[in-house]
C-alpha atoms as a PDB file:
ATOM      1  CA  MET A   1     -47.293   3.405 125.631  1.00  0.00           C
ATOM      2  CA  PHE A   2     -50.062   5.774 126.631  1.00  0.00           C
ATOM      3  CA  HIS A   3     -52.210   7.368 124.014  1.00  0.00           C
ATOM      4  CA  ALA A   4     -51.565  11.122 123.760  1.00  0.00           C
ATOM      5  CA  PRO A   5     -54.856  12.221 125.404  1.00  0.00           C
ATOM      6  CA  ARG A   6     -54.393   9.794 128.311  1.00  0.00           C
ATOM      7  CA  ALA A   7     -50.747  10.807 128.798  1.00  0.00           C
ATOM      8  CA  LYS A   8     -51.750  14.467 128.801  1.00  0.00           C
ATOM      9  CA  LEU A   9     -54.500  13.811 131.338  1.00  0.00           C
ATOM     10  CA  LEU A  10     -52.132  11.833 133.560  1.00  0.00           C
ATOM     11  CA  SER A  11     -49.471  14.550 133.481  1.00  0.00           C
ATOM     12  CA  ARG A  12     -52.062  17.170 134.385  1.00  0.00           C
ATOM     13  CA  ALA A  13     -53.289  15.025 137.267  1.00  0.00           C
ATOM     14  CA  ILE A  14     -49.729  14.600 138.542  1.00  0.00           C
ATOM     15  CA  VAL A  15     -49.077  18.350 138.331  1.00  0.00           C
ATOM     16  CA  ALA A  16     -52.373  19.141 140.060  1.00  0.00           C
ATOM     17  CA  GLY A  17     -51.770  16.591 142.812  1.00  0.00           C
ATOM     18  CA  THR A  18     -48.224  17.800 143.394  1.00  0.00           C
ATOM     19  CA  SER A  19     -49.396  21.424 143.484  1.00  0.00           C
ATOM     20  CA  LEU A  20     -52.084  20.598 146.056  1.00  0.00           C
ATOM     21  CA  TYR A  21     -49.584  18.686 148.181  1.00  0.00           C
ATOM     22  CA  LEU A  22     -47.050  21.525 148.095  1.00  0.00           C
ATOM     23  CA  ALA A  23     -49.783  24.059 148.918  1.00  0.00           C
ATOM     24  CA  GLY A  24     -50.792  21.941 151.917  1.00  0.00           C
ATOM     25  CA  GLN A  25     -47.148  21.650 152.998  1.00  0.00           C
ATOM     26  CA  VAL A  26     -46.595  25.398 152.752  1.00  0.00           C
ATOM     27  CA  TRP A  27     -49.760  26.043 154.777  1.00  0.00           C
ATOM     28  CA  HIS A  28     -48.651  23.656 157.556  1.00  0.00           C
ATOM     29  CA  THR A  29     -45.175  25.201 157.621  1.00  0.00           C
ATOM     30  CA  VAL A  30     -46.499  28.765 157.843  1.00  0.00           C
ATOM     31  CA  THR A  31     -49.063  27.903 160.537  1.00  0.00           C
ATOM     32  CA  ASN A  32     -46.579  25.672 162.427  1.00  0.00           C
ATOM     33  CA  THR A  33     -48.976  22.728 162.627  1.00  0.00           C
ATOM     34  CA  ASN A  34     -48.487  18.998 162.084  1.00  0.00           C
ATOM     35  CA  ARG A  35     -51.119  16.785 160.510  1.00  0.00           C
ATOM     36  CA  TRP A  36     -50.197  13.562 158.738  1.00  0.00           C
ATOM     37  CA  PRO A  37     -48.806  13.390 156.088  1.00  0.00           C
ATOM     38  CA  PHE A  38     -47.730  17.009 156.505  1.00  0.00           C
ATOM     39  CA  CYS A  39     -45.022  18.275 158.867  1.00  0.00           C
ATOM     40  CA  THR A  40     -43.971  21.831 159.645  1.00  0.00           C
ATOM     41  CA  PHE A  41     -40.290  21.230 158.829  1.00  0.00           C
ATOM     42  CA  ASN A  42     -39.506  24.410 160.750  1.00  0.00           C
ATOM     43  CA  MET A  43     -36.004  23.188 161.672  1.00  0.00           C
ATOM     44  CA  PHE A  44     -36.192  25.000 165.039  1.00  0.00           C
ATOM     45  CA  ALA A  45     -36.693  28.364 163.286  1.00  0.00           C
ATOM     46  CA  TYR A  46     -40.266  29.251 164.113  1.00  0.00           C
ATOM     47  CA  HIS A  47     -42.098  32.074 165.788  1.00  0.00           C
ATOM     48  CA  LYS A  48     -42.531  31.695 169.537  1.00  0.00           C
ATOM     49  CA  ARG A  49     -44.987  33.604 171.643  1.00  0.00           C
ATOM     50  CA  ASP A  50     -43.702  36.030 174.245  1.00  0.00           C
ATOM     51  CA  ARG A  51     -44.464  33.580 177.048  1.00  0.00           C
ATOM     52  CA  ALA A  52     -43.790  29.850 177.314  1.00  0.00           C
ATOM     53  CA  LEU A  53     -43.879  27.008 179.820  1.00  0.00           C
ATOM     54  CA  GLN A  54     -40.571  25.263 180.419  1.00  0.00           C
ATOM     55  CA  MET A  55     -39.025  22.800 182.866  1.00  0.00           C
ATOM     56  CA  ARG A  56     -36.279  23.256 185.411  1.00  0.00           C
ATOM     57  CA  VAL A  57     -34.516  20.730 187.611  1.00  0.00           C
ATOM     58  CA  ARG A  58     -32.560  20.986 190.852  1.00  0.00           C
ATOM     59  CA  LEU A  59     -30.174  18.249 191.994  1.00  0.00           C
ATOM     60  CA  PHE A  60     -28.841  17.755 195.519  1.00  0.00           C
ATOM     61  CA  THR A  61     -25.646  15.966 196.530  1.00  0.00           C
ATOM     62  CA  ASP A  62     -24.924  14.025 199.688  1.00  0.00           C
ATOM     63  CA  ASP A  63     -22.764  16.866 201.065  1.00  0.00           C
ATOM     64  CA  GLY A  64     -25.424  19.558 200.633  1.00  0.00           C
ATOM     65  CA  ARG A  65     -24.359  20.973 197.264  1.00  0.00           C
ATOM     66  CA  VAL A  66     -27.168  22.105 194.951  1.00  0.00           C
ATOM     67  CA  ILE A  67     -27.075  22.199 191.148  1.00  0.00           C
ATOM     68  CA  GLY A  68     -29.732  24.311 189.467  1.00  0.00           C
ATOM     69  CA  PRO A  69     -32.232  25.532 188.701  1.00  0.00           C
ATOM     70  CA  ALA A  70     -31.116  24.225 185.326  1.00  0.00           C
ATOM     71  CA  ASP A  71     -32.616  22.940 182.122  1.00  0.00           C
ATOM     72  CA  PRO A  72     -33.333  19.204 182.464  1.00  0.00           C
ATOM     73  CA  TRP A  73     -31.563  18.196 179.239  1.00  0.00           C
ATOM     74  CA  SER A  74     -28.607  16.619 181.066  1.00  0.00           C
ATOM     75  CA  LEU A  75     -30.746  14.155 183.020  1.00  0.00           C
ATOM     76  CA  LEU A  76     -30.812  11.518 180.271  1.00  0.00           C
ATOM     77  CA  PRO A  77     -28.418  10.446 177.484  1.00  0.00           C
ATOM     78  CA  LEU A  78     -30.897  11.504 174.790  1.00  0.00           C
ATOM     79  CA  GLU A  79     -31.270  14.444 172.432  1.00  0.00           C
ATOM     80  CA  PHE A  80     -32.403  17.411 174.530  1.00  0.00           C
ATOM     81  CA  PHE A  81     -35.835  17.633 172.881  1.00  0.00           C
ATOM     82  CA  ARG A  82     -36.469  13.946 173.586  1.00  0.00           C
ATOM     83  CA  VAL A  83     -35.602  14.477 177.241  1.00  0.00           C
ATOM     84  CA  VAL A  84     -38.390  17.055 177.460  1.00  0.00           C
ATOM     85  CA  SER A  85     -40.853  14.617 175.841  1.00  0.00           C
ATOM     86  CA  VAL A  86     -39.947  11.887 178.337  1.00  0.00           C
ATOM     87  CA  LEU A  87     -40.339  14.240 181.305  1.00  0.00           C
ATOM     88  CA  GLU A  88     -43.704  15.448 180.044  1.00  0.00           C
ATOM     89  CA  ARG A  89     -44.968  11.875 179.933  1.00  0.00           C
ATOM     90  CA  VAL A  90     -43.703  11.097 183.429  1.00  0.00           C
ATOM     91  CA  PHE A  91     -44.534  14.347 185.232  1.00  0.00           C
ATOM     92  CA  HIS A  92     -47.345  15.951 183.242  1.00  0.00           C
ATOM     93  CA  SER A  93     -49.429  13.315 181.466  1.00  0.00           C
ATOM     94  CA  GLN A  94     -50.107  11.263 184.594  1.00  0.00           C
ATOM     95  CA  ASP A  95     -50.091  11.613 188.404  1.00  0.00           C
ATOM     96  CA  ASP A  96     -48.537   8.294 189.418  1.00  0.00           C
ATOM     97  CA  ILE A  97     -46.288   9.285 192.334  1.00  0.00           C
ATOM     98  CA  ALA A  98     -44.691   5.833 192.502  1.00  0.00           C
ATOM     99  CA  ALA A  99     -43.763   6.027 188.797  1.00  0.00           C
ATOM    100  CA  ARG A 100     -42.282   9.504 189.300  1.00  0.00           C
ATOM    101  CA  ASP A 101     -40.215   8.329 192.276  1.00  0.00           C
ATOM    102  CA  ARG A 102     -39.049   5.298 190.321  1.00  0.00           C
ATOM    103  CA  PHE A 103     -37.981   7.502 187.415  1.00  0.00           C
ATOM    104  CA  CYS A 104     -36.076   9.844 189.738  1.00  0.00           C
ATOM    105  CA  ARG A 105     -34.366   6.948 191.514  1.00  0.00           C
ATOM    106  CA  HIS A 106     -33.192   5.374 188.253  1.00  0.00           C
ATOM    107  CA  THR A 107     -32.119   8.748 186.854  1.00  0.00           C
ATOM    108  CA  LEU A 108     -30.006   9.629 189.897  1.00  0.00           C
ATOM    109  CA  ASP A 109     -28.501   6.141 189.936  1.00  0.00           C
ATOM    110  CA  ARG A 110     -27.485   6.545 186.274  1.00  0.00           C
ATOM    111  CA  LEU A 111     -25.988   9.979 186.931  1.00  0.00           C
ATOM    112  CA  ASN A 112     -24.014   8.621 189.879  1.00  0.00           C
ATOM    113  CA  ARG A 113     -22.751   5.480 188.173  1.00  0.00           C
ATOM    114  CA  ARG A 114     -22.484   6.061 184.417  1.00  0.00           C
ATOM    115  CA  ARG A 115     -22.108   9.627 183.213  1.00  0.00           C
ATOM    116  CA  TRP A 116     -21.835  10.509 179.527  1.00  0.00           C
ATOM    117  CA  PRO A 117     -20.158  13.227 177.452  1.00  0.00           C
ATOM    118  CA  ALA A 118     -21.875  15.738 175.166  1.00  0.00           C
ATOM    119  CA  TRP A 119     -22.375  14.584 171.605  1.00  0.00           C
ATOM    120  CA  ASP A 120     -24.318  16.342 168.842  1.00  0.00           C
ATOM    121  CA  GLU A 121     -27.693  17.232 170.442  1.00  0.00           C
ATOM    122  CA  VAL A 122     -27.093  15.125 173.564  1.00  0.00           C
ATOM    123  CA  LYS A 123     -26.018  17.278 176.495  1.00  0.00           C
ATOM    124  CA  ALA A 124     -23.314  16.076 178.882  1.00  0.00           C
ATOM    125  CA  SER A 125     -24.664  14.545 182.066  1.00  0.00           C
ATOM    126  CA  PHE A 126     -24.913  16.440 185.311  1.00  0.00           C
ATOM    127  CA  SER A 127     -21.946  15.711 187.562  1.00  0.00           C
ATOM    128  CA  PRO A 128     -22.087  15.689 191.371  1.00  0.00           C
ATOM    129  CA  GLY A 129     -18.336  16.254 191.616  1.00  0.00           C
ATOM    130  CA  ALA A 130     -15.501  14.026 192.754  1.00  0.00           C
ATOM    131  CA  GLY A 131     -16.401  11.845 195.727  1.00  0.00           C
ATOM    132  CA  ARG A 132     -20.009  13.048 195.777  1.00  0.00           C
ATOM    133  CA  ARG A 133     -23.290  11.503 194.688  1.00  0.00           C
ATOM    134  CA  PHE A 134     -26.732  12.835 193.868  1.00  0.00           C
ATOM    135  CA  VAL A 135     -29.332  11.930 196.487  1.00  0.00           C
ATOM    136  CA  ALA A 136     -32.360  14.112 195.664  1.00  0.00           C
ATOM    137  CA  MET A 137     -33.970  16.048 192.827  1.00  0.00           C
ATOM    138  CA  GLU A 138     -36.802  18.468 192.205  1.00  0.00           C
ATOM    139  CA  LEU A 139     -38.644  19.129 188.955  1.00  0.00           C
ATOM    140  CA  TYR A 140     -40.455  22.408 188.291  1.00  0.00           C
ATOM    141  CA  PHE A 141     -42.715  23.788 185.607  1.00  0.00           C
ATOM    142  CA  VAL A 142     -41.890  27.451 185.056  1.00  0.00           C
ATOM    143  CA  GLU A 143     -43.371  30.228 182.970  1.00  0.00           C
ATOM    144  CA  VAL A 144     -40.950  32.564 181.228  1.00  0.00           C
ATOM    145  CA  ASP A 145     -41.381  35.793 179.307  1.00  0.00           C
ATOM    146  CA  PHE A 146     -38.753  36.118 176.582  1.00  0.00           C
ATOM    147  CA  ARG A 147     -38.981  39.915 176.786  1.00  0.00           C
ATOM    148  CA  THR A 148     -38.015  40.164 180.460  1.00  0.00           C
ATOM    149  CA  CYS A 149     -36.469  36.861 181.636  1.00  0.00           C
ATOM    150  CA  SER A 150     -32.731  36.489 181.200  1.00  0.00           C
ATOM    151  CA  PRO A 151     -31.781  33.541 178.951  1.00  0.00           C
ATOM    152  CA  PHE A 152     -28.537  33.198 180.935  1.00  0.00           C
ATOM    153  CA  ASP A 153     -30.138  32.900 184.385  1.00  0.00           C
ATOM    154  CA  ARG A 154     -32.379  29.843 184.548  1.00  0.00           C
ATOM    155  CA  SER A 155     -33.809  30.975 187.897  1.00  0.00           C
ATOM    156  CA  HIS A 156     -35.197  34.156 186.274  1.00  0.00           C
ATOM    157  CA  VAL A 157     -38.852  33.287 185.608  1.00  0.00           C
ATOM    158  CA  LEU A 158     -42.367  34.694 185.865  1.00  0.00           C
ATOM    159  CA  SER A 159     -43.574  31.841 188.058  1.00  0.00           C
ATOM    160  CA  ALA A 160     -42.500  28.389 189.181  1.00  0.00           C
ATOM    161  CA  GLU A 161     -44.470  25.359 190.317  1.00  0.00           C
ATOM    162  CA  LEU A 162     -42.838  22.465 192.125  1.00  0.00           C
ATOM    163  CA  VAL A 163     -44.173  19.381 190.342  1.00  0.00           C
ATOM    164  CA  HIS A 164     -42.248  16.657 192.140  1.00  0.00           C
ATOM    165  CA  ARG A 165     -39.598  16.290 194.817  1.00  0.00           C
ATOM    166  CA  TYR A 166     -37.688  13.043 195.255  1.00  0.00           C
ATOM    167  CA  ASP A 167     -35.815  13.210 198.551  1.00  0.00           C
ATOM    168  CA  PRO A 168     -35.568   9.815 200.282  1.00  0.00           C
ATOM    169  CA  GLU A 169     -32.673  10.914 202.526  1.00  0.00           C
ATOM    170  CA  GLY A 170     -34.045  14.331 203.550  1.00  0.00           C
ATOM    171  CA  ALA A 171     -31.314  16.226 201.725  1.00  0.00           C
ATOM    172  CA  VAL A 172     -33.430  19.220 200.680  1.00  0.00           C
ATOM    173  CA  ARG A 173     -32.862  21.839 203.337  1.00  0.00           C
ATOM    174  CA  GLU A 174     -34.868  24.831 202.196  1.00  0.00           C
ATOM    175  CA  LYS A 175     -38.543  23.998 202.285  1.00  0.00           C
ATOM    176  CA  SER A 176     -39.647  27.204 200.529  1.00  0.00           C
ATOM    177  CA  PRO A 177     -39.250  26.900 196.738  1.00  0.00           C
ATOM    178  CA  GLU A 178     -39.906  30.636 196.379  1.00  0.00           C
ATOM    179  CA  SER A 179     -36.426  31.369 197.762  1.00  0.00           C
ATOM    180  CA  VAL A 180     -34.898  29.651 194.738  1.00  0.00           C
ATOM    181  CA  TRP A 181     -36.339  31.914 192.043  1.00  0.00           C
ATOM    182  CA  ARG A 182     -35.786  35.440 190.768  1.00  0.00           C
ATOM    183  CA  LEU A 183     -39.261  36.480 189.675  1.00  0.00           C
ATOM    184  CA  ALA A 184     -39.391  38.779 186.657  1.00  0.00           C
ATOM    185  CA  PRO A 185     -42.231  41.132 185.746  1.00  0.00           C
ATOM    186  CA  ALA A 186     -44.352  40.185 182.744  1.00  0.00           C
ATOM    187  CA  GLY A 187     -43.414  41.975 179.528  1.00  0.00           C
ATOM    188  CA  ASP A 188     -46.424  44.306 179.588  1.00  0.00           C
ATOM    189  CA  ASP A 189     -45.805  45.122 183.261  1.00  0.00           C
ATOM    190  CA  ALA A 190     -42.158  45.901 182.534  1.00  0.00           C
ATOM    191  CA  VAL A 191     -43.145  48.290 179.751  1.00  0.00           C
ATOM    192  CA  ASP A 192     -45.618  50.023 182.069  1.00  0.00           C
ATOM    193  CA  GLU A 193     -42.938  50.378 184.765  1.00  0.00           C
ATOM    194  CA  GLU A 194     -40.524  51.931 182.259  1.00  0.00           C
ATOM    195  CA  LYS A 195     -43.189  54.424 181.179  1.00  0.00           C
ATOM    196  CA  GLU A 196     -43.962  55.338 184.781  1.00  0.00           C
ATOM    197  CA  ALA A 197     -40.243  55.851 185.489  1.00  0.00           C
ATOM    198  CA  ALA A 198     -39.893  58.060 182.405  1.00  0.00           C
ATOM    199  CA  CYS A 199     -42.906  60.152 183.409  1.00  0.00           C
ATOM    200  CA  ALA A 200     -41.536  60.548 186.933  1.00  0.00           C
ATOM    201  CA  VAL A 201     -38.341  62.034 185.509  1.00  0.00           C
END
C-alpha cells in the first residue's frame, strides 16, 4: 500500500505523463509527421498538396499490345502502398541498372507464370491476355496536379520522366515517351487561362 501523499504524487505524475503523450500524439497527427514513438495515425485521410510525384508503369506483350500508363500497384502481390515502397527502393534510392533489370525480369516472369487475384488492399495482377506474355516494361516518375489532372486518366499528368526501360527483346516500338502522355496545365496556369477566356468574351 502506498502512503496517501505518495499515491497522490504518483497519480499526478501518471496524469501529467499521459497528458504530455497525448499532446505529442495530437501534434504529430495534425502536422502529419512521424517520430518514434509517435505516429500520425491519419488512416489515409490527410491533407495533400495540390501537386504530387507518383509512379506509372507500361507493360508490353510479345504481340505488340501495350498496357498503361497505369499505377504500378498490380506489379507485385503486396498491398498497394508496399508496392510503391519497393519500387522507390529499386528505382529511386539507388542507380544500379543491373539490379533494376533483375527486378523487372523477375516481375515479368511472375506476371507471366503466376498471376494473383485482388484481395483486400492487394490489387489483382496485370494480365497479358490469353496466349500472350509480357516481354518489356517501363517505369516513369510523373508529376500530377490534383486540380487539373484527371484521376480517371493515368496518362494525364504535368510531366513524366522515364526512369527505366527493360526491353531485352526490342518490343518497345515508340521511342518517344512524350507521345504517351496527355500533358495538363498546372493549376495556376489553368486558372489564368480561364480568366483570359472570360475576359475575351
